[in-house]
Amino acid sequence: MNQETAIEMLRSLITVSLLVVTPIILASIIVGVIISLLQAITSIQEPTLSFAPKLIAIGAVIIVGAPWMVRQLMEFAVFFITKIPEMTR
């Protein structure tokens, strides 16, 4: 395997990973900020209060986005498998 192939595969791996994880992280951040604002407004300082809404939001994002995420991962897997012959050279 030459250096260009390795760099291309690593770049593709990082890109697909970030692309698949970004919606989950964004949902968690948005819900966390909203819950934090509500806690600041109401002066409720319960740390476990933000856990359930974040968990529900992340679950919803995974359920809604699962077909797209699986498609992205399958495309990467096909790309990786097609590169195997180049790795043996």
Protein backbone atom coordinates (compact mmCIF):
# COMPACT_ATOMS: atom_id res chain seq x y z
CA MET A 1 0.00 0.00 0.00
CA ASN A 2 1.40 3.35 -0.95
CA GLN A 3 1.25 6.47 1.15
CA GLU A 4 -1.39 8.20 -1.00
CA THR A 5 -3.83 5.30 -0.61
CA ALA A 6 -3.34 5.23 3.15
CA ILE A 7 -3.89 8.98 3.44
CA GLU A 8 -6.99 8.81 1.25
CA MET A 9 -8.46 6.00 3.36
CA LEU A 10 -7.69 7.77 6.62
CA ARG A 11 -9.18 11.02 5.33
CA SER A 12 -12.32 9.18 4.23
CA LEU A 13 -12.58 7.43 7.61
CA ILE A 14 -12.35 10.69 9.53
CA THR A 15 -14.81 12.44 7.21
CA VAL A 16 -17.44 9.70 7.44
CA SER A 17 -17.02 9.43 11.22
CA LEU A 18 -17.52 13.15 11.74
CA LEU A 19 -20.41 13.23 9.28
CA VAL A 20 -22.27 10.41 11.06
CA VAL A 21 -21.63 11.65 14.60
CA THR A 22 -22.37 15.36 14.03
CA PRO A 23 -26.20 15.19 14.18
CA ILE A 24 -26.06 13.27 17.46
CA ILE A 25 -23.64 15.72 19.03
CA LEU A 26 -25.60 18.74 17.79
CA ALA A 27 -28.83 17.37 19.25
CA SER A 28 -27.13 16.80 22.58
CA ILE A 29 -25.62 20.29 22.62
CA ILE A 30 -28.86 22.03 21.65
CA VAL A 31 -30.94 20.16 24.24
CA GLY A 32 -28.24 20.73 26.86
CA VAL A 33 -28.21 24.48 26.25
CA ILE A 34 -32.00 24.69 26.35
CA ILE A 35 -32.17 22.71 29.61
CA SER A 36 -29.37 24.82 31.10
CA LEU A 37 -31.25 28.00 30.22
CA LEU A 38 -34.42 26.64 31.77
CA GLN A 39 -32.50 25.64 34.90
CA ALA A 40 -30.95 29.10 35.14
CA ILE A 41 -34.31 30.81 34.69
CA THR A 42 -36.11 28.65 37.25
CA SER A 43 -33.12 28.32 39.64
CA ILE A 44 -33.44 24.54 39.65
CA GLN A 45 -29.92 23.17 39.96
CA GLU A 46 -30.56 19.45 39.59
CA PRO A 47 -27.78 17.88 37.48
CA THR A 48 -29.83 14.81 36.61
CA LEU A 49 -32.60 16.93 35.07
CA SER A 50 -30.75 17.35 31.77
CA PHE A 51 -29.99 13.65 31.36
CA ALA A 52 -33.45 12.40 30.31
CA PRO A 53 -34.16 15.07 27.67
CA LYS A 54 -30.70 14.57 26.16
CA LEU A 55 -31.21 10.82 26.08
CA ILE A 56 -34.60 11.22 24.39
CA ALA A 57 -33.22 13.70 21.84
CA ILE A 58 -30.25 11.47 21.01
CA GLY A 59 -32.55 8.46 20.66
CA ALA A 60 -34.86 10.40 18.34
CA VAL A 61 -31.96 11.57 16.18
CA ILE A 62 -30.64 8.03 15.92
CA ILE A 63 -34.07 6.63 15.01
CA VAL A 64 -34.77 9.33 12.42
CA GLY A 65 -31.25 9.40 11.01
CA ALA A 66 -30.47 5.68 11.12
CA PRO A 67 -31.15 5.01 7.41
CA TRP A 68 -28.87 7.87 6.37
CA MET A 69 -26.17 6.88 8.88
CA VAL A 70 -26.22 3.25 7.78
CA ARG A 71 -26.06 4.33 4.13
CA GLN A 72 -22.99 6.47 4.84
CA LEU A 73 -21.28 3.64 6.71
CA MET A 74 -22.12 1.15 3.96
CA GLU A 75 -20.69 3.46 1.31
CA PHE A 76 -17.50 3.75 3.34
CA ALA A 77 -17.34 -0.03 3.78
CA VAL A 78 -17.71 -0.55 0.03
CA PHE A 79 -15.00 2.07 -0.60
CA PHE A 80 -12.71 0.37 1.89
CA ILE A 81 -13.33 -3.12 0.47
CA THR A 82 -12.64 -1.94 -3.07
CA LYS A 83 -9.28 -0.58 -1.87
CA ILE A 84 -8.13 -3.95 -0.49
CA PRO A 85 -6.47 -5.05 -3.76
CA GLU A 86 -4.43 -1.83 -3.75
CA MET A 87 -3.25 -2.57 -0.21
CA THR A 88 -1.65 -5.86 -1.18
CA ARG A 89 0.59 -4.29 -3.82
